[in-house]
Amino acid sequence: MISNGITYAGIRQNRPTVGPFTWYDLTDGDPGNSYPANACSVSVSSHANDVSIQVLTTDGRVYETVCSVNDNTDTLTCDEVWTPLVSPTPGALKRLQQKDAAPRVPTELKNR
């Protein structure tokens, strides 16, 4: 989540009942001050016990930081170092399709 220029990552306990979120400010602990000041969108993905947080900036650049999930305590450990990634460019993106499905073309493009 981004709020007032700060990117947060949240985690909560889901067992035995759902608990409240614990939020981590991912902009305040980077020793190299690499957090992009113009971040406007955030994406989160998880792989095993790692959580990857990417931000998109207003000028189209993508940055990433990684946190580890501490299973026993339902907490995150984040280094808060933001690494620039290869940013998407128009026309270079791949579209996802359902298997054996015909691609959908917006109506306004069909009659061009």
PDB file of N, CA and C in Angstrom:
ATOM      1  N   MET A   1       0.844  -1.159   0.000  1.00  0.00           N
ATOM      2  CA  MET A   1       0.000   0.000   0.000  1.00  0.00           C
ATOM      3  C   MET A   1       0.897   1.232   0.000  1.00  0.00           C
ATOM      4  N   ILE A   2       0.504   2.258  -0.754  1.00  0.00           N
ATOM      5  CA  ILE A   2       1.205   3.540  -0.720  1.00  0.00           C
ATOM      6  C   ILE A   2       0.242   4.574  -0.155  1.00  0.00           C
ATOM      7  N   SER A   3       0.710   5.291   0.839  1.00  0.00           N
ATOM      8  CA  SER A   3      -0.091   6.349   1.452  1.00  0.00           C
ATOM      9  C   SER A   3       0.817   7.520   1.795  1.00  0.00           C
ATOM     10  N   ASN A   4       0.487   8.698   1.291  1.00  0.00           N
ATOM     11  CA  ASN A   4       1.279   9.904   1.538  1.00  0.00           C
ATOM     12  C   ASN A   4       2.753   9.711   1.193  1.00  0.00           C
ATOM     13  N   GLY A   5       3.038   9.000   0.096  1.00  0.00           N
ATOM     14  CA  GLY A   5       4.407   8.812  -0.359  1.00  0.00           C
ATOM     15  C   GLY A   5       5.184   7.725   0.358  1.00  0.00           C
ATOM     16  N   ILE A   6       4.534   6.978   1.242  1.00  0.00           N
ATOM     17  CA  ILE A   6       5.198   5.908   1.992  1.00  0.00           C
ATOM     18  C   ILE A   6       4.631   4.568   1.545  1.00  0.00           C
ATOM     19  N   THR A   7       5.522   3.635   1.223  1.00  0.00           N
ATOM     20  CA  THR A   7       5.099   2.284   0.868  1.00  0.00           C
ATOM     21  C   THR A   7       5.141   1.412   2.113  1.00  0.00           C
ATOM     22  N   TYR A   8       4.039   0.711   2.349  1.00  0.00           N
ATOM     23  CA  TYR A   8       3.910  -0.176   3.507  1.00  0.00           C
ATOM     24  C   TYR A   8       3.712  -1.612   3.032  1.00  0.00           C
ATOM     25  N   ALA A   9       4.213  -2.559   3.824  1.00  0.00           N
ATOM     26  CA  ALA A   9       3.896  -3.975   3.650  1.00  0.00           C
ATOM     27  C   ALA A   9       3.215  -4.419   4.931  1.00  0.00           C
ATOM     28  N   GLY A  10       2.165  -5.192   4.799  1.00  0.00           N
ATOM     29  CA  GLY A  10       1.436  -5.655   5.970  1.00  0.00           C
ATOM     30  C   GLY A  10       1.400  -7.161   6.041  1.00  0.00           C
ATOM     31  N   ILE A  11       1.361  -7.667   7.254  1.00  0.00           N
ATOM     32  CA  ILE A  11       1.245  -9.102   7.476  1.00  0.00           C
ATOM     33  C   ILE A  11       0.327  -9.313   8.668  1.00  0.00           C
ATOM     34  N   ARG A  12      -0.406 -10.415   8.651  1.00  0.00           N
ATOM     35  CA  ARG A  12      -1.270 -10.728   9.782  1.00  0.00           C
ATOM     36  C   ARG A  12      -1.344 -12.234   9.988  1.00  0.00           C
ATOM     37  N   GLN A  13      -1.669 -12.596  11.174  1.00  0.00           N
ATOM     38  CA  GLN A  13      -1.817 -14.008  11.521  1.00  0.00           C
ATOM     39  C   GLN A  13      -3.144 -14.505  10.962  1.00  0.00           C
ATOM     40  N   ASN A  14      -3.123 -15.677  10.351  1.00  0.00           N
ATOM     41  CA  ASN A  14      -4.344 -16.273   9.809  1.00  0.00           C
ATOM     42  C   ASN A  14      -4.761 -17.538  10.544  1.00  0.00           C
ATOM     43  N   ARG A  15      -4.007 -17.911  11.555  1.00  0.00           N
ATOM     44  CA  ARG A  15      -4.320 -19.131  12.295  1.00  0.00           C
ATOM     45  C   ARG A  15      -4.135 -18.906  13.776  1.00  0.00           C
ATOM     46  N   PRO A  16      -4.858 -19.365  14.665  1.00  0.00           N
ATOM     47  CA  PRO A  16      -6.108 -20.098  14.429  1.00  0.00           C
ATOM     48  C   PRO A  16      -7.254 -19.183  14.008  1.00  0.00           C
ATOM     49  N   THR A  17      -7.119 -17.875  14.204  1.00  0.00           N
ATOM     50  CA  THR A  17      -8.111 -16.921  13.715  1.00  0.00           C
ATOM     51  C   THR A  17      -7.375 -15.788  13.013  1.00  0.00           C
ATOM     52  N   VAL A  18      -8.104 -15.028  12.216  1.00  0.00           N
ATOM     53  CA  VAL A  18      -7.499 -13.903  11.498  1.00  0.00           C
ATOM     54  C   VAL A  18      -7.267 -12.755  12.470  1.00  0.00           C
ATOM     55  N   GLY A  19      -6.027 -12.276  12.498  1.00  0.00           N
ATOM     56  CA  GLY A  19      -5.666 -11.188  13.394  1.00  0.00           C
ATOM     57  C   GLY A  19      -5.520  -9.873  12.659  1.00  0.00           C
ATOM     58  N   PRO A  20      -5.171  -8.812  13.379  1.00  0.00           N
ATOM     59  CA  PRO A  20      -4.985  -7.502  12.740  1.00  0.00           C
ATOM     60  C   PRO A  20      -3.661  -7.452  11.975  1.00  0.00           C
ATOM     61  N   PHE A  21      -3.581  -6.552  11.013  1.00  0.00           N
ATOM     62  CA  PHE A  21      -2.348  -6.364  10.263  1.00  0.00           C
ATOM     63  C   PHE A  21      -1.292  -5.666  11.112  1.00  0.00           C
ATOM     64  N   THR A  22      -0.036  -6.065  10.916  1.00  0.00           N
ATOM     65  CA  THR A  22       1.121  -5.313  11.393  1.00  0.00           C
ATOM     66  C   THR A  22       1.735  -4.697  10.148  1.00  0.00           C
ATOM     67  N   TRP A  23       1.856  -3.355  10.139  1.00  0.00           N
ATOM     68  CA  TRP A  23       2.332  -2.645   8.964  1.00  0.00           C
ATOM     69  C   TRP A  23       3.790  -2.240   9.129  1.00  0.00           C
ATOM     70  N   TYR A  24       4.564  -2.365   8.049  1.00  0.00           N
ATOM     71  CA  TYR A  24       5.984  -2.014   8.026  1.00  0.00           C
ATOM     72  C   TYR A  24       6.205  -0.895   7.018  1.00  0.00           C
ATOM     73  N   ASP A  25       6.821   0.183   7.453  1.00  0.00           N
ATOM     74  CA  ASP A  25       7.200   1.291   6.580  1.00  0.00           C
ATOM     75  C   ASP A  25       8.447   0.865   5.813  1.00  0.00           C
ATOM     76  N   LEU A  26       8.341   0.767   4.498  1.00  0.00           N
ATOM     77  CA  LEU A  26       9.462   0.302   3.672  1.00  0.00           C
ATOM     78  C   LEU A  26      10.279   1.448   3.096  1.00  0.00           C
ATOM     79  N   THR A  27      10.100   2.644   3.634  1.00  0.00           N
ATOM     80  CA  THR A  27      10.808   3.801   3.102  1.00  0.00           C
ATOM     81  C   THR A  27      11.799   4.405   4.091  1.00  0.00           C
ATOM     82  N   ASP A  28      11.840   3.902   5.311  1.00  0.00           N
ATOM     83  CA  ASP A  28      12.605   4.599   6.352  1.00  0.00           C
ATOM     84  C   ASP A  28      13.891   3.922   6.803  1.00  0.00           C
ATOM     85  N   GLY A  29      14.187   2.703   6.322  1.00  0.00           N
ATOM     86  CA  GLY A  29      15.351   2.001   6.849  1.00  0.00           C
ATOM     87  C   GLY A  29      16.441   1.712   5.846  1.00  0.00           C
ATOM     88  N   ASP A  30      16.339   2.262   4.651  1.00  0.00           N
ATOM     89  CA  ASP A  30      17.307   1.983   3.600  1.00  0.00           C
ATOM     90  C   ASP A  30      18.571   2.802   3.820  1.00  0.00           C
ATOM     91  N   PRO A  31      19.700   2.135   4.084  1.00  0.00           N
ATOM     92  CA  PRO A  31      20.941   2.871   4.325  1.00  0.00           C
ATOM     93  C   PRO A  31      21.422   3.662   3.115  1.00  0.00           C
ATOM     94  N   GLY A  32      21.045   3.245   1.911  1.00  0.00           N
ATOM     95  CA  GLY A  32      21.480   3.944   0.706  1.00  0.00           C
ATOM     96  C   GLY A  32      20.465   4.941   0.182  1.00  0.00           C
ATOM     97  N   ASN A  33      19.351   5.105   0.889  1.00  0.00           N
ATOM     98  CA  ASN A  33      18.308   6.046   0.487  1.00  0.00           C
ATOM     99  C   ASN A  33      17.852   5.794  -0.956  1.00  0.00           C
ATOM    100  N   SER A  34      17.582   4.509  -1.289  1.00  0.00           N
ATOM    101  CA  SER A  34      17.257   4.132  -2.666  1.00  0.00           C
ATOM    102  C   SER A  34      15.758   4.111  -2.960  1.00  0.00           C
ATOM    103  N   TYR A  35      14.918   4.418  -1.971  1.00  0.00           N
ATOM    104  CA  TYR A  35      13.475   4.413  -2.222  1.00  0.00           C
ATOM    105  C   TYR A  35      13.118   5.513  -3.220  1.00  0.00           C
ATOM    106  N   PRO A  36      12.401   5.160  -4.299  1.00  0.00           N
ATOM    107  CA  PRO A  36      12.045   6.173  -5.298  1.00  0.00           C
ATOM    108  C   PRO A  36      10.963   7.112  -4.764  1.00  0.00           C
ATOM    109  N   ALA A  37      11.277   8.379  -4.705  1.00  0.00           N
ATOM    110  CA  ALA A  37      10.373   9.364  -4.106  1.00  0.00           C
ATOM    111  C   ALA A  37       9.068   9.525  -4.877  1.00  0.00           C
ATOM    112  N   ASN A  38       9.051   9.176  -6.158  1.00  0.00           N
ATOM    113  CA  ASN A  38       7.852   9.373  -6.963  1.00  0.00           C
ATOM    114  C   ASN A  38       7.076   8.078  -7.208  1.00  0.00           C
ATOM    115  N   ALA A  39       7.160   7.127  -6.265  1.00  0.00           N
ATOM    116  CA  ALA A  39       6.399   5.876  -6.383  1.00  0.00           C
ATOM    117  C   ALA A  39       4.907   6.188  -6.336  1.00  0.00           C
ATOM    118  N   CYS A  40       4.137   5.541  -7.221  1.00  0.00           N
ATOM    119  CA  CYS A  40       2.707   5.829  -7.277  1.00  0.00           C
ATOM    120  C   CYS A  40       1.838   4.577  -7.258  1.00  0.00           C
ATOM    121  N   SER A  41       2.442   3.405  -7.410  1.00  0.00           N
ATOM    122  CA  SER A  41       1.691   2.159  -7.441  1.00  0.00           C
ATOM    123  C   SER A  41       2.554   1.057  -6.860  1.00  0.00           C
ATOM    124  N   VAL A  42       1.911   0.064  -6.240  1.00  0.00           N
ATOM    125  CA  VAL A  42       2.670  -1.010  -5.595  1.00  0.00           C
ATOM    126  C   VAL A  42       2.087  -2.364  -5.988  1.00  0.00           C
ATOM    127  N   SER A  43       2.961  -3.357  -6.073  1.00  0.00           N
ATOM    128  CA  SER A  43       2.576  -4.735  -6.363  1.00  0.00           C
ATOM    129  C   SER A  43       3.317  -5.639  -5.387  1.00  0.00           C
ATOM    130  N   VAL A  44       2.654  -6.705  -4.971  1.00  0.00           N
ATOM    131  CA  VAL A  44       3.252  -7.634  -4.000  1.00  0.00           C
ATOM    132  C   VAL A  44       3.113  -9.052  -4.524  1.00  0.00           C
ATOM    133  N   SER A  45       4.182  -9.826  -4.421  1.00  0.00           N
ATOM    134  CA  SER A  45       4.118 -11.251  -4.746  1.00  0.00           C
ATOM    135  C   SER A  45       4.908 -12.016  -3.701  1.00  0.00           C
ATOM    136  N   SER A  46       4.518 -13.255  -3.498  1.00  0.00           N
ATOM    137  CA  SER A  46       5.232 -14.068  -2.513  1.00  0.00           C
ATOM    138  C   SER A  46       5.730 -15.346  -3.168  1.00  0.00           C
ATOM    139  N   HIS A  47       6.893 -15.788  -2.703  1.00  0.00           N
ATOM    140  CA  HIS A  47       7.523 -17.018  -3.175  1.00  0.00           C
ATOM    141  C   HIS A  47       8.093 -17.697  -1.940  1.00  0.00           C
ATOM    142  N   ALA A  48       7.459 -18.794  -1.532  1.00  0.00           N
ATOM    143  CA  ALA A  48       7.870 -19.510  -0.313  1.00  0.00           C
ATOM    144  C   ALA A  48       7.834 -18.526   0.858  1.00  0.00           C
ATOM    145  N   ASN A  49       8.966 -18.278   1.496  1.00  0.00           N
ATOM    146  CA  ASN A  49       8.990 -17.367   2.646  1.00  0.00           C
ATOM    147  C   ASN A  49       9.508 -15.978   2.297  1.00  0.00           C
ATOM    148  N   ASP A  50       9.578 -15.657   1.023  1.00  0.00           N
ATOM    149  CA  ASP A  50      10.004 -14.323   0.605  1.00  0.00           C
ATOM    150  C   ASP A  50       8.827 -13.568   0.008  1.00  0.00           C
ATOM    151  N   VAL A  51       8.795 -12.276   0.265  1.00  0.00           N
ATOM    152  CA  VAL A  51       7.784 -11.394  -0.295  1.00  0.00           C
ATOM    153  C   VAL A  51       8.508 -10.330  -1.106  1.00  0.00           C
ATOM    154  N   SER A  52       8.139 -10.213  -2.367  1.00  0.00           N
ATOM    155  CA  SER A  52       8.722  -9.216  -3.259  1.00  0.00           C
ATOM    156  C   SER A  52       7.736  -8.067  -3.392  1.00  0.00           C
ATOM    157  N   ILE A  53       8.215  -6.849  -3.132  1.00  0.00           N
ATOM    158  CA  ILE A  53       7.385  -5.657  -3.254  1.00  0.00           C
ATOM    159  C   ILE A  53       7.983  -4.799  -4.359  1.00  0.00           C
ATOM    160  N   GLN A  54       7.183  -4.505  -5.387  1.00  0.00           N
ATOM    161  CA  GLN A  54       7.628  -3.661  -6.477  1.00  0.00           C
ATOM    162  C   GLN A  54       6.811  -2.379  -6.461  1.00  0.00           C
ATOM    163  N   VAL A  55       7.470  -1.264  -6.776  1.00  0.00           N
ATOM    164  CA  VAL A  55       6.751  -0.010  -6.952  1.00  0.00           C
ATOM    165  C   VAL A  55       6.996   0.500  -8.362  1.00  0.00           C
ATOM    166  N   LEU A  56       5.985   1.150  -8.895  1.00  0.00           N
ATOM    167  CA  LEU A  56       6.059   1.817 -10.179  1.00  0.00           C
ATOM    168  C   LEU A  56       6.095   3.311  -9.904  1.00  0.00           C
ATOM    169  N   THR A  57       6.965   4.028 -10.598  1.00  0.00           N
ATOM    170  CA  THR A  57       7.084   5.468 -10.389  1.00  0.00           C
ATOM    171  C   THR A  57       6.281   6.227 -11.450  1.00  0.00           C
ATOM    172  N   THR A  58       6.080   7.496 -11.199  1.00  0.00           N
ATOM    173  CA  THR A  58       5.316   8.318 -12.140  1.00  0.00           C
ATOM    174  C   THR A  58       6.008   8.467 -13.482  1.00  0.00           C
ATOM    175  N   ASP A  59       7.309   8.183 -13.547  1.00  0.00           N
ATOM    176  CA  ASP A  59       8.005   8.241 -14.838  1.00  0.00           C
ATOM    177  C   ASP A  59       8.216   6.854 -15.449  1.00  0.00           C
ATOM    178  N   GLY A  60       7.490   5.830 -14.943  1.00  0.00           N
ATOM    179  CA  GLY A  60       7.481   4.507 -15.562  1.00  0.00           C
ATOM    180  C   GLY A  60       8.580   3.563 -15.142  1.00  0.00           C
ATOM    181  N   ARG A  61       9.330   3.888 -14.120  1.00  0.00           N
ATOM    182  CA  ARG A  61      10.393   2.995 -13.652  1.00  0.00           C
ATOM    183  C   ARG A  61       9.848   2.059 -12.577  1.00  0.00           C
ATOM    184  N   VAL A  62      10.458   0.852 -12.499  1.00  0.00           N
ATOM    185  CA  VAL A  62      10.036  -0.154 -11.525  1.00  0.00           C
ATOM    186  C   VAL A  62      11.201  -0.452 -10.587  1.00  0.00           C
ATOM    187  N   TYR A  63      10.914  -0.508  -9.288  1.00  0.00           N
ATOM    188  CA  TYR A  63      11.909  -0.821  -8.253  1.00  0.00           C
ATOM    189  C   TYR A  63      11.366  -1.946  -7.389  1.00  0.00           C
ATOM    190  N   GLU A  64      12.268  -2.705  -6.748  1.00  0.00           N
ATOM    191  CA  GLU A  64      11.856  -3.845  -5.932  1.00  0.00           C
ATOM    192  C   GLU A  64      12.662  -3.901  -4.639  1.00  0.00           C
ATOM    193  N   THR A  65      11.990  -4.332  -3.581  1.00  0.00           N
ATOM    194  CA  THR A  65      12.655  -4.713  -2.339  1.00  0.00           C
ATOM    195  C   THR A  65      12.065  -6.046  -1.910  1.00  0.00           C
ATOM    196  N   VAL A  66      12.794  -6.795  -1.087  1.00  0.00           N
ATOM    197  CA  VAL A  66      12.362  -8.134  -0.685  1.00  0.00           C
ATOM    198  C   VAL A  66      12.333  -8.223   0.832  1.00  0.00           C
ATOM    199  N   CYS A  67      11.288  -8.879   1.339  1.00  0.00           N
ATOM    200  CA  CYS A  67      11.152  -9.144   2.773  1.00  0.00           C
ATOM    201  C   CYS A  67      11.083 -10.655   2.975  1.00  0.00           C
ATOM    202  N   SER A  68      11.497 -11.104   4.144  1.00  0.00           N
ATOM    203  CA  SER A  68      11.365 -12.506   4.524  1.00  0.00           C
ATOM    204  C   SER A  68      10.246 -12.622   5.539  1.00  0.00           C
ATOM    205  N   VAL A  69       9.438 -13.674   5.407  1.00  0.00           N
ATOM    206  CA  VAL A  69       8.360 -13.935   6.354  1.00  0.00           C
ATOM    207  C   VAL A  69       8.897 -14.828   7.464  1.00  0.00           C
ATOM    208  N   ASN A  70       8.731 -14.385   8.692  1.00  0.00           N
ATOM    209  CA  ASN A  70       9.120 -15.171   9.855  1.00  0.00           C
ATOM    210  C   ASN A  70       7.886 -15.924  10.325  1.00  0.00           C
ATOM    211  N   ASP A  71       7.787 -17.201   9.927  1.00  0.00           N
ATOM    212  CA  ASP A  71       6.577 -17.985  10.170  1.00  0.00           C
ATOM    213  C   ASP A  71       6.186 -18.094  11.642  1.00  0.00           C
ATOM    214  N   ASN A  72       7.154 -18.271  12.510  1.00  0.00           N
ATOM    215  CA  ASN A  72       6.827 -18.504  13.919  1.00  0.00           C
ATOM    216  C   ASN A  72       6.204 -17.293  14.591  1.00  0.00           C
ATOM    217  N   THR A  73       6.502 -16.102  14.081  1.00  0.00           N
ATOM    218  CA  THR A  73       6.007 -14.884  14.722  1.00  0.00           C
ATOM    219  C   THR A  73       5.090 -14.071  13.815  1.00  0.00           C
ATOM    220  N   ASP A  74       4.860 -14.539  12.579  1.00  0.00           N
ATOM    221  CA  ASP A  74       4.056 -13.786  11.614  1.00  0.00           C
ATOM    222  C   ASP A  74       4.526 -12.340  11.518  1.00  0.00           C
ATOM    223  N   THR A  75       5.835 -12.173  11.312  1.00  0.00           N
ATOM    224  CA  THR A  75       6.432 -10.854  11.137  1.00  0.00           C
ATOM    225  C   THR A  75       7.245 -10.849   9.846  1.00  0.00           C
ATOM    226  N   LEU A  76       7.673  -9.669   9.437  1.00  0.00           N
ATOM    227  CA  LEU A  76       8.506  -9.508   8.247  1.00  0.00           C
ATOM    228  C   LEU A  76       9.870  -8.967   8.636  1.00  0.00           C
ATOM    229  N   THR A  77      10.889  -9.408   7.913  1.00  0.00           N
ATOM    230  CA  THR A  77      12.219  -8.828   8.007  1.00  0.00           C
ATOM    231  C   THR A  77      12.537  -8.278   6.634  1.00  0.00           C
ATOM    232  N   CYS A  78      12.718  -6.953   6.544  1.00  0.00           N
ATOM    233  CA  CYS A  78      12.915  -6.285   5.257  1.00  0.00           C
ATOM    234  C   CYS A  78      14.208  -5.492   5.283  1.00  0.00           C
ATOM    235  N   ASP A  79      15.008  -5.608   4.199  1.00  0.00           N
ATOM    236  CA  ASP A  79      16.239  -4.819   4.150  1.00  0.00           C
ATOM    237  C   ASP A  79      15.978  -3.408   3.630  1.00  0.00           C
ATOM    238  N   GLU A  80      14.850  -3.203   2.981  1.00  0.00           N
ATOM    239  CA  GLU A  80      14.418  -1.902   2.466  1.00  0.00           C
ATOM    240  C   GLU A  80      15.367  -1.306   1.430  1.00  0.00           C
ATOM    241  N   VAL A  81      16.205  -2.131   0.820  1.00  0.00           N
ATOM    242  CA  VAL A  81      17.044  -1.668  -0.279  1.00  0.00           C
ATOM    243  C   VAL A  81      16.224  -1.823  -1.552  1.00  0.00           C
ATOM    244  N   TRP A  82      16.001  -0.724  -2.240  1.00  0.00           N
ATOM    245  CA  TRP A  82      15.186  -0.713  -3.455  1.00  0.00           C
ATOM    246  C   TRP A  82      16.105  -0.812  -4.674  1.00  0.00           C
ATOM    247  N   THR A  83      15.907  -1.875  -5.457  1.00  0.00           N
ATOM    248  CA  THR A  83      16.728  -2.155  -6.629  1.00  0.00           C
ATOM    249  C   THR A  83      15.949  -1.828  -7.892  1.00  0.00           C
ATOM    250  N   PRO A  84      16.529  -1.052  -8.817  1.00  0.00           N
ATOM    251  CA  PRO A  84      15.833  -0.797 -10.088  1.00  0.00           C
ATOM    252  C   PRO A  84      15.720  -2.090 -10.890  1.00  0.00           C
ATOM    253  N   LEU A  85      14.563  -2.316 -11.486  1.00  0.00           N
ATOM    254  CA  LEU A  85      14.327  -3.464 -12.355  1.00  0.00           C
ATOM    255  C   LEU A  85      14.215  -2.988 -13.792  1.00  0.00           C
ATOM    256  N   VAL A  86      14.246  -3.928 -14.728  1.00  0.00           N
ATOM    257  CA  VAL A  86      13.985  -3.581 -16.116  1.00  0.00           C
ATOM    258  C   VAL A  86      12.520  -3.185 -16.186  1.00  0.00           C
ATOM    259  N   SER A  87      12.264  -1.973 -16.613  1.00  0.00           N
ATOM    260  CA  SER A  87      10.907  -1.452 -16.642  1.00  0.00           C
ATOM    261  C   SER A  87      10.209  -1.837 -17.935  1.00  0.00           C
ATOM    262  N   PRO A  88       8.885  -2.035 -17.877  1.00  0.00           N
ATOM    263  CA  PRO A  88       8.150  -2.374 -19.097  1.00  0.00           C
ATOM    264  C   PRO A  88       8.124  -1.198 -20.068  1.00  0.00           C
ATOM    265  N   THR A  89       8.066  -1.535 -21.344  1.00  0.00           N
ATOM    266  CA  THR A  89       7.941  -0.507 -22.374  1.00  0.00           C
ATOM    267  C   THR A  89       6.705  -0.819 -23.208  1.00  0.00           C
ATOM    268  N   PRO A  90       6.049   0.194 -23.744  1.00  0.00           N
ATOM    269  CA  PRO A  90       4.865  -0.061 -24.573  1.00  0.00           C
ATOM    270  C   PRO A  90       5.186  -1.021 -25.711  1.00  0.00           C
ATOM    271  N   GLY A  91       4.313  -1.969 -25.937  1.00  0.00           N
ATOM    272  CA  GLY A  91       4.498  -2.945 -27.002  1.00  0.00           C
ATOM    273  C   GLY A  91       5.311  -4.159 -26.611  1.00  0.00           C
ATOM    274  N   ALA A  92       6.015  -4.104 -25.486  1.00  0.00           N
ATOM    275  CA  ALA A  92       6.855  -5.223 -25.071  1.00  0.00           C
ATOM    276  C   ALA A  92       6.130  -6.154 -24.093  1.00  0.00           C
ATOM    277  N   LEU A  93       4.915  -5.806 -23.722  1.00  0.00           N
ATOM    278  CA  LEU A  93       4.195  -6.600 -22.732  1.00  0.00           C
ATOM    279  C   LEU A  93       3.495  -7.777 -23.396  1.00  0.00           C
ATOM    280  N   LYS A  94       3.447  -8.882 -22.698  1.00  0.00           N
ATOM    281  CA  LYS A  94       2.755 -10.063 -23.200  1.00  0.00           C
ATOM    282  C   LYS A  94       1.375 -10.113 -22.579  1.00  0.00           C
ATOM    283  N   ARG A  95       0.403 -10.472 -23.378  1.00  0.00           N
ATOM    284  CA  ARG A  95      -0.968 -10.586 -22.884  1.00  0.00           C
ATOM    285  C   ARG A  95      -1.223 -12.021 -22.439  1.00  0.00           C
ATOM    286  N   LEU A  96      -1.926 -12.146 -21.319  1.00  0.00           N
ATOM    287  CA  LEU A  96      -2.320 -13.465 -20.843  1.00  0.00           C
ATOM    288  C   LEU A  96      -3.611 -13.873 -21.526  1.00  0.00           C
ATOM    289  N   GLN A  97      -3.700 -15.133 -21.889  1.00  0.00           N
ATOM    290  CA  GLN A  97      -4.912 -15.645 -22.525  1.00  0.00           C
ATOM    291  C   GLN A  97      -5.300 -16.952 -21.857  1.00  0.00           C
ATOM    292  N   GLN A  98      -6.580 -17.226 -21.891  1.00  0.00           N
ATOM    293  CA  GLN A  98      -7.039 -18.530 -21.451  1.00  0.00           C
ATOM    294  C   GLN A  98      -6.639 -19.543 -22.508  1.00  0.00           C
ATOM    295  N   LYS A  99      -6.359 -20.747 -22.067  1.00  0.00           N
ATOM    296  CA  LYS A  99      -5.979 -21.793 -23.004  1.00  0.00           C
ATOM    297  C   LYS A  99      -7.113 -22.027 -24.001  1.00  0.00           C
ATOM    298  N   ASP A 100      -6.762 -22.087 -25.265  1.00  0.00           N
ATOM    299  CA  ASP A 100      -7.710 -22.328 -26.354  1.00  0.00           C
ATOM    300  C   ASP A 100      -8.750 -21.226 -26.499  1.00  0.00           C
ATOM    301  N   ALA A 101      -8.509 -20.050 -25.943  1.00  0.00           N
ATOM    302  CA  ALA A 101      -9.460 -18.957 -26.073  1.00  0.00           C
ATOM    303  C   ALA A 101      -9.001 -18.009 -27.171  1.00  0.00           C
ATOM    304  N   ALA A 102      -9.949 -17.522 -27.931  1.00  0.00           N
ATOM    305  CA  ALA A 102      -9.639 -16.524 -28.946  1.00  0.00           C
ATOM    306  C   ALA A 102      -9.360 -15.205 -28.249  1.00  0.00           C
ATOM    307  N   PRO A 103      -8.399 -14.430 -28.734  1.00  0.00           N
ATOM    308  CA  PRO A 103      -8.117 -13.147 -28.099  1.00  0.00           C
ATOM    309  C   PRO A 103      -9.313 -12.212 -28.216  1.00  0.00           C
ATOM    310  N   ARG A 104      -9.549 -11.447 -27.148  1.00  0.00           N
ATOM    311  CA  ARG A 104     -10.650 -10.483 -27.163  1.00  0.00           C
ATOM    312  C   ARG A 104     -10.120  -9.154 -27.697  1.00  0.00           C
ATOM    313  N   VAL A 105     -10.855  -8.587 -28.627  1.00  0.00           N
ATOM    314  CA  VAL A 105     -10.484  -7.298 -29.203  1.00  0.00           C
ATOM    315  C   VAL A 105     -11.559  -6.296 -28.799  1.00  0.00           C
ATOM    316  N   PRO A 106     -11.161  -5.176 -28.179  1.00  0.00           N
ATOM    317  CA  PRO A 106     -12.156  -4.168 -27.809  1.00  0.00           C
ATOM    318  C   PRO A 106     -12.946  -3.702 -29.025  1.00  0.00           C
ATOM    319  N   THR A 107     -14.230  -3.428 -28.843  1.00  0.00           N
ATOM    320  CA  THR A 107     -15.117  -3.041 -29.932  1.00  0.00           C
ATOM    321  C   THR A 107     -14.587  -1.865 -30.722  1.00  0.00           C
ATOM    322  N   GLU A 108     -14.026  -0.861 -30.023  1.00  0.00           N
ATOM    323  CA  GLU A 108     -13.547   0.332 -30.714  1.00  0.00           C
ATOM    324  C   GLU A 108     -12.368   0.033 -31.633  1.00  0.00           C
ATOM    325  N   LEU A 109     -11.678  -1.093 -31.430  1.00  0.00           N
ATOM    326  CA  LEU A 109     -10.555  -1.450 -32.288  1.00  0.00           C
ATOM    327  C   LEU A 109     -10.961  -2.373 -33.439  1.00  0.00           C
ATOM    328  N   LYS A 110     -12.105  -3.033 -33.308  1.00  0.00           N
ATOM    329  CA  LYS A 110     -12.543  -3.992 -34.337  1.00  0.00           C
ATOM    330  C   LYS A 110     -12.837  -3.319 -35.675  1.00  0.00           C
ATOM    331  N   ASN A 111     -13.287  -2.115 -35.644  1.00  0.00           N
ATOM    332  CA  ASN A 111     -13.726  -1.446 -36.874  1.00  0.00           C
ATOM    333  C   ASN A 111     -12.691  -0.497 -37.453  1.00  0.00           C
ATOM    334  N   ARG A 112     -11.462  -0.665 -37.107  1.00  0.00           N
ATOM    335  CA  ARG A 112     -10.399   0.214 -37.639  1.00  0.00           C
ATOM    336  C   ARG A 112      -9.894  -0.264 -38.958  1.00  0.00           C
TER     337      ARG A 112
END
